[in-house]
Amino acid sequence: MAKVLVYGWYGHANVGDELMADGLRAILPGHALRFVSRLTKDELGKADLLIVGGGYFLYAPLNM
């Protein structure tokens, strides 16, 4: 079982990241997934894999 660190805006009602979390749980069953909104050196050192995901699809810059 791999220790997977997943970085994004998880647990803050961000639709994109919450959907990604659901998808990762579905495609990586049996792995230890840890969802974080902040990366630390300690967390990175304990992980076998880092996934950086998400993105804010509702934001549109004002200067477009």
Protein backbone atom coordinates (compact mmCIF):
# COMPACT_ATOMS: atom_id res chain seq x y z
CA MET A 1 0.00 0.00 0.00
CA ALA A 2 1.48 3.33 -1.09
CA LYS A 3 1.30 6.46 1.05
CA VAL A 4 -0.13 9.07 -1.30
CA LEU A 5 -0.06 12.76 -0.39
CA VAL A 6 -2.61 14.78 -2.36
CA TYR A 7 -2.23 18.55 -2.33
CA GLY A 8 -5.10 20.92 -3.09
CA TRP A 9 -7.88 22.88 -1.45
CA TYR A 10 -9.50 19.84 0.15
CA GLY A 11 -12.09 20.14 2.89
CA HIS A 12 -12.94 23.75 1.99
CA ALA A 13 -16.01 23.12 -0.20
CA ASN A 14 -14.06 23.57 -3.44
CA VAL A 15 -16.09 21.60 -5.98
CA GLY A 16 -13.19 20.75 -8.29
CA ASP A 17 -10.92 19.43 -5.56
CA GLU A 18 -13.73 17.49 -3.85
CA LEU A 19 -14.57 15.79 -7.17
CA MET A 20 -10.91 14.97 -7.67
CA ALA A 21 -10.75 13.50 -4.15
CA ASP A 22 -13.73 11.26 -4.92
CA GLY A 23 -12.11 10.16 -8.17
CA LEU A 24 -8.77 9.39 -6.55
CA ARG A 25 -10.48 7.33 -3.85
CA ALA A 26 -12.25 5.37 -6.58
CA ILE A 27 -9.17 4.67 -8.74
CA LEU A 28 -6.69 4.11 -5.90
CA PRO A 29 -8.51 1.79 -3.50
CA GLY A 30 -6.33 0.25 -0.84
CA HIS A 31 -3.81 3.09 -0.83
CA ALA A 32 -3.34 5.47 2.09
CA LEU A 33 -4.54 8.79 0.66
CA ARG A 34 -3.86 11.93 2.69
CA PHE A 35 -5.49 15.12 1.41
CA VAL A 36 -3.83 18.35 2.53
CA SER A 37 -4.19 22.07 1.84
CA ARG A 38 -0.65 22.79 2.95
CA LEU A 39 2.59 20.97 2.16
CA THR A 40 5.26 20.46 4.77
CA LYS A 41 8.70 18.93 4.47
CA ASP A 42 7.73 16.32 7.06
CA GLU A 43 4.62 15.26 5.09
CA LEU A 44 6.61 15.06 1.86
CA GLY A 45 9.23 12.89 3.54
CA LYS A 46 6.61 10.36 4.64
CA ALA A 47 4.89 10.08 1.25
CA ASP A 48 5.63 7.59 -1.51
CA LEU A 49 3.82 9.74 -4.08
CA LEU A 50 2.70 13.37 -4.33
CA ILE A 51 -0.29 14.35 -6.45
CA VAL A 52 -0.90 18.05 -7.05
CA GLY A 53 -4.36 18.59 -8.40
CA GLY A 54 -7.34 20.80 -8.62
CA GLY A 55 -7.70 24.16 -10.15
CA TYR A 56 -10.33 26.81 -9.83
CA PHE A 57 -12.56 26.58 -12.87
CA LEU A 58 -15.06 29.21 -11.70
CA TYR A 59 -12.53 32.06 -11.59
CA ALA A 60 -12.18 34.37 -14.57
CA PRO A 61 -9.60 37.17 -14.42
CA LEU A 62 -11.11 40.62 -14.67
CA ASN A 63 -8.63 41.77 -17.32
CA MET A 64 -9.64 39.31 -20.05
